Amino acid sequence: MENHGINFKNHFKLLAKHTEFMKEIWNHEKAGQNGDFVEFKDIICYPKPVQRPHPPIIFGGATPRAREAAPAFVGRFAAPLPRVA
């Protein structure tokens, strides 16, 4: 993530903020945010998702931290598949 300008220590905060922003875009006629990670103004998104309040958001990860963090900002957690040799 560092090569994309994201400090790895902040990646869960970034994911949480991006998820929050997507929910706002899906649920309001116009959306705007000014935050540490993303800034946008008067975004319009059509068509709006049919699912309410938003489409299912599924998050996956292979670490205990991922499993702990996921419920705070997504609806479902997808555990990684076991490795096959």
N, C-alpha and C. Protein backbone atom coordinates (compact mmCIF):
# COMPACT_ATOMS: atom_id res chain seq x y z
N MET A 1 0.81 -1.19 0.00
CA MET A 1 0.00 0.00 0.00
C MET A 1 0.86 1.26 0.00
N GLU A 2 2.05 1.14 0.54
CA GLU A 2 2.92 2.31 0.61
C GLU A 2 3.20 2.87 -0.79
N ASN A 3 3.32 1.98 -1.79
CA ASN A 3 3.60 2.46 -3.15
C ASN A 3 2.40 3.18 -3.77
N HIS A 4 1.25 3.14 -3.09
CA HIS A 4 0.07 3.89 -3.54
C HIS A 4 -0.18 5.11 -2.67
N GLY A 5 0.79 5.43 -1.81
CA GLY A 5 0.67 6.61 -0.98
C GLY A 5 -0.15 6.42 0.29
N ILE A 6 -0.41 5.17 0.67
CA ILE A 6 -1.20 4.88 1.87
C ILE A 6 -0.30 4.25 2.92
N ASN A 7 -0.28 4.86 4.08
CA ASN A 7 0.45 4.29 5.20
C ASN A 7 -0.31 3.05 5.66
N PHE A 8 0.38 1.91 5.73
CA PHE A 8 -0.28 0.66 6.08
C PHE A 8 -1.00 0.74 7.41
N LYS A 9 -0.48 1.53 8.33
CA LYS A 9 -1.12 1.67 9.65
C LYS A 9 -2.53 2.25 9.54
N ASN A 10 -2.81 2.95 8.46
CA ASN A 10 -4.11 3.62 8.28
C ASN A 10 -5.06 2.87 7.36
N HIS A 11 -4.70 1.67 6.90
CA HIS A 11 -5.52 1.05 5.85
C HIS A 11 -6.92 0.69 6.31
N PHE A 12 -7.12 0.31 7.56
CA PHE A 12 -8.49 0.03 8.02
C PHE A 12 -9.30 1.33 8.14
N LYS A 13 -8.66 2.41 8.58
CA LYS A 13 -9.35 3.70 8.64
C LYS A 13 -9.75 4.14 7.24
N LEU A 14 -8.86 3.94 6.28
CA LEU A 14 -9.14 4.31 4.89
C LEU A 14 -10.31 3.50 4.35
N LEU A 15 -10.30 2.20 4.58
CA LEU A 15 -11.39 1.35 4.12
C LEU A 15 -12.72 1.76 4.76
N ALA A 16 -12.69 2.04 6.05
CA ALA A 16 -13.91 2.46 6.75
C ALA A 16 -14.44 3.77 6.17
N LYS A 17 -13.57 4.72 5.90
CA LYS A 17 -14.00 6.01 5.34
C LYS A 17 -14.55 5.84 3.93
N HIS A 18 -13.87 5.05 3.11
CA HIS A 18 -14.35 4.83 1.74
C HIS A 18 -15.72 4.16 1.76
N THR A 19 -15.91 3.22 2.66
CA THR A 19 -17.20 2.54 2.79
C THR A 19 -18.27 3.54 3.23
N GLU A 20 -17.95 4.37 4.19
CA GLU A 20 -18.88 5.41 4.64
C GLU A 20 -19.26 6.35 3.50
N PHE A 21 -18.29 6.75 2.71
CA PHE A 21 -18.55 7.65 1.59
C PHE A 21 -19.43 6.99 0.54
N MET A 22 -19.20 5.71 0.25
CA MET A 22 -20.04 5.02 -0.72
C MET A 22 -21.48 4.94 -0.24
N LYS A 23 -21.65 4.66 1.04
CA LYS A 23 -23.02 4.61 1.59
C LYS A 23 -23.69 5.97 1.45
N GLU A 24 -22.95 7.03 1.67
CA GLU A 24 -23.52 8.38 1.53
C GLU A 24 -23.91 8.66 0.08
N ILE A 25 -23.05 8.31 -0.85
CA ILE A 25 -23.34 8.53 -2.27
C ILE A 25 -24.58 7.74 -2.69
N TRP A 26 -24.71 6.53 -2.20
CA TRP A 26 -25.86 5.69 -2.56
C TRP A 26 -27.17 6.18 -1.96
N ASN A 27 -27.12 6.88 -0.83
CA ASN A 27 -28.34 7.20 -0.09
C ASN A 27 -28.77 8.66 -0.12
N HIS A 28 -28.04 9.51 -0.82
CA HIS A 28 -28.41 10.92 -0.90
C HIS A 28 -28.41 11.38 -2.35
N GLU A 29 -29.22 12.37 -2.64
CA GLU A 29 -29.26 12.91 -4.01
C GLU A 29 -27.91 13.47 -4.41
N LYS A 30 -27.30 14.23 -3.53
CA LYS A 30 -25.95 14.76 -3.73
C LYS A 30 -25.17 14.47 -2.45
N ALA A 31 -23.92 14.14 -2.61
CA ALA A 31 -23.10 13.82 -1.45
C ALA A 31 -21.79 14.58 -1.51
N GLY A 32 -21.25 14.83 -0.36
CA GLY A 32 -19.96 15.49 -0.27
C GLY A 32 -19.29 15.16 1.05
N GLN A 33 -17.99 15.07 1.01
CA GLN A 33 -17.21 14.79 2.21
C GLN A 33 -15.88 15.50 2.11
N ASN A 34 -15.39 15.90 3.25
CA ASN A 34 -14.07 16.49 3.33
C ASN A 34 -13.39 15.81 4.51
N GLY A 35 -12.49 14.88 4.22
CA GLY A 35 -11.88 14.12 5.28
C GLY A 35 -10.39 13.96 5.08
N ASP A 36 -9.80 13.15 5.95
CA ASP A 36 -8.36 12.93 5.89
C ASP A 36 -7.94 12.14 4.66
N PHE A 37 -8.82 11.28 4.16
CA PHE A 37 -8.44 10.38 3.08
C PHE A 37 -9.08 10.70 1.74
N VAL A 38 -10.28 11.25 1.76
CA VAL A 38 -11.01 11.51 0.53
C VAL A 38 -11.72 12.85 0.64
N GLU A 39 -11.75 13.55 -0.47
CA GLU A 39 -12.48 14.81 -0.51
C GLU A 39 -13.28 14.85 -1.81
N PHE A 40 -14.58 15.09 -1.69
CA PHE A 40 -15.40 15.25 -2.87
C PHE A 40 -16.58 16.15 -2.53
N LYS A 41 -17.14 16.76 -3.57
CA LYS A 41 -18.22 17.72 -3.38
C LYS A 41 -19.28 17.48 -4.45
N ASP A 42 -20.53 17.48 -4.00
CA ASP A 42 -21.67 17.40 -4.91
C ASP A 42 -21.59 16.23 -5.90
N ILE A 43 -21.25 15.06 -5.39
CA ILE A 43 -21.24 13.84 -6.21
C ILE A 43 -22.69 13.41 -6.42
N ILE A 44 -23.02 13.03 -7.64
CA ILE A 44 -24.34 12.50 -7.97
C ILE A 44 -24.14 11.09 -8.49
N CYS A 45 -24.91 10.16 -7.98
CA CYS A 45 -24.79 8.76 -8.37
C CYS A 45 -26.15 8.23 -8.80
N TYR A 46 -26.26 7.84 -10.06
CA TYR A 46 -27.47 7.20 -10.58
C TYR A 46 -27.07 6.07 -11.50
N PRO A 47 -27.81 5.02 -11.56
CA PRO A 47 -29.00 4.74 -10.76
C PRO A 47 -28.62 4.39 -9.33
N LYS A 48 -29.52 4.66 -8.42
CA LYS A 48 -29.33 4.30 -7.02
C LYS A 48 -29.50 2.79 -6.87
N PRO A 49 -28.79 2.20 -5.92
CA PRO A 49 -28.97 0.76 -5.70
C PRO A 49 -30.40 0.42 -5.31
N VAL A 50 -30.85 -0.73 -5.73
CA VAL A 50 -32.19 -1.20 -5.38
C VAL A 50 -32.23 -1.63 -3.91
N GLN A 51 -31.15 -2.26 -3.45
CA GLN A 51 -31.11 -2.73 -2.07
C GLN A 51 -31.06 -1.54 -1.12
N ARG A 52 -31.79 -1.66 -0.03
CA ARG A 52 -31.83 -0.59 0.97
C ARG A 52 -31.40 -1.12 2.31
N PRO A 53 -30.58 -0.38 3.02
CA PRO A 53 -30.16 0.99 2.72
C PRO A 53 -29.03 1.07 1.70
N HIS A 54 -28.40 -0.07 1.37
CA HIS A 54 -27.34 -0.10 0.36
C HIS A 54 -27.11 -1.55 -0.04
N PRO A 55 -26.36 -1.78 -1.11
CA PRO A 55 -26.05 -3.15 -1.50
C PRO A 55 -25.23 -3.85 -0.40
N PRO A 56 -25.24 -5.16 -0.39
CA PRO A 56 -24.41 -5.87 0.58
C PRO A 56 -22.94 -5.50 0.40
N ILE A 57 -22.26 -5.28 1.49
CA ILE A 57 -20.84 -4.98 1.45
C ILE A 57 -20.13 -6.14 2.13
N ILE A 58 -19.29 -6.81 1.37
CA ILE A 58 -18.61 -8.00 1.86
C ILE A 58 -17.11 -7.72 1.92
N PHE A 59 -16.53 -8.02 3.04
CA PHE A 59 -15.11 -7.76 3.29
C PHE A 59 -14.43 -9.07 3.62
N GLY A 60 -13.25 -9.28 3.10
CA GLY A 60 -12.51 -10.50 3.41
C GLY A 60 -11.12 -10.17 3.90
N GLY A 61 -10.57 -11.05 4.66
CA GLY A 61 -9.21 -10.86 5.16
C GLY A 61 -8.72 -12.11 5.85
N ALA A 62 -7.42 -12.20 6.01
CA ALA A 62 -6.82 -13.41 6.57
C ALA A 62 -6.21 -13.18 7.95
N THR A 63 -6.45 -12.04 8.55
CA THR A 63 -5.84 -11.75 9.85
C THR A 63 -6.90 -11.58 10.92
N PRO A 64 -6.54 -11.80 12.17
CA PRO A 64 -7.49 -11.54 13.25
C PRO A 64 -7.96 -10.08 13.25
N ARG A 65 -7.08 -9.16 12.95
CA ARG A 65 -7.45 -7.73 12.91
C ARG A 65 -8.53 -7.48 11.86
N ALA A 66 -8.43 -8.14 10.73
CA ALA A 66 -9.44 -7.99 9.68
C ALA A 66 -10.79 -8.47 10.17
N ARG A 67 -10.82 -9.62 10.82
CA ARG A 67 -12.08 -10.16 11.35
C ARG A 67 -12.66 -9.26 12.43
N GLU A 68 -11.81 -8.63 13.23
CA GLU A 68 -12.28 -7.73 14.28
C GLU A 68 -12.81 -6.42 13.71
N ALA A 69 -12.14 -5.90 12.69
CA ALA A 69 -12.48 -4.59 12.14
C ALA A 69 -13.69 -4.62 11.22
N ALA A 70 -13.90 -5.71 10.53
CA ALA A 70 -14.93 -5.78 9.50
C ALA A 70 -16.33 -5.40 9.97
N PRO A 71 -16.82 -5.89 11.11
CA PRO A 71 -18.20 -5.56 11.50
C PRO A 71 -18.47 -4.08 11.69
N ALA A 72 -17.45 -3.31 11.92
CA ALA A 72 -17.64 -1.88 12.15
C ALA A 72 -18.09 -1.13 10.90
N PHE A 73 -17.76 -1.65 9.71
CA PHE A 73 -18.08 -0.88 8.51
C PHE A 73 -18.63 -1.69 7.35
N VAL A 74 -18.76 -2.98 7.49
CA VAL A 74 -19.35 -3.79 6.42
C VAL A 74 -20.39 -4.73 6.99
N GLY A 75 -21.19 -5.29 6.11
CA GLY A 75 -22.25 -6.16 6.57
C GLY A 75 -21.83 -7.61 6.74
N ARG A 76 -20.88 -8.06 5.94
CA ARG A 76 -20.52 -9.47 5.98
C ARG A 76 -19.00 -9.61 5.89
N PHE A 77 -18.52 -10.70 6.49
CA PHE A 77 -17.10 -11.00 6.42
C PHE A 77 -16.94 -12.33 5.70
N ALA A 78 -16.07 -12.36 4.73
CA ALA A 78 -15.78 -13.58 3.98
C ALA A 78 -14.40 -14.07 4.36
N ALA A 79 -14.35 -15.17 5.07
CA ALA A 79 -13.06 -15.74 5.45
C ALA A 79 -12.34 -16.28 4.22
N PRO A 80 -11.03 -16.20 4.22
CA PRO A 80 -10.30 -16.72 3.05
C PRO A 80 -10.43 -18.23 2.94
N LEU A 81 -10.35 -18.70 1.72
CA LEU A 81 -10.39 -20.13 1.47
C LEU A 81 -9.09 -20.76 1.93
N PRO A 82 -9.13 -22.01 2.38
CA PRO A 82 -7.89 -22.67 2.77
C PRO A 82 -6.99 -22.87 1.57
N ARG A 83 -5.70 -22.85 1.80
CA ARG A 83 -4.75 -23.07 0.71
C ARG A 83 -4.74 -24.53 0.31
N VAL A 84 -4.64 -24.75 -0.97
CA VAL A 84 -4.57 -26.11 -1.50
C VAL A 84 -3.19 -26.29 -2.10
N ALA A 85 -2.51 -27.33 -1.67
CA ALA A 85 -1.14 -27.56 -2.15
C ALA A 85 -1.14 -28.15 -3.55
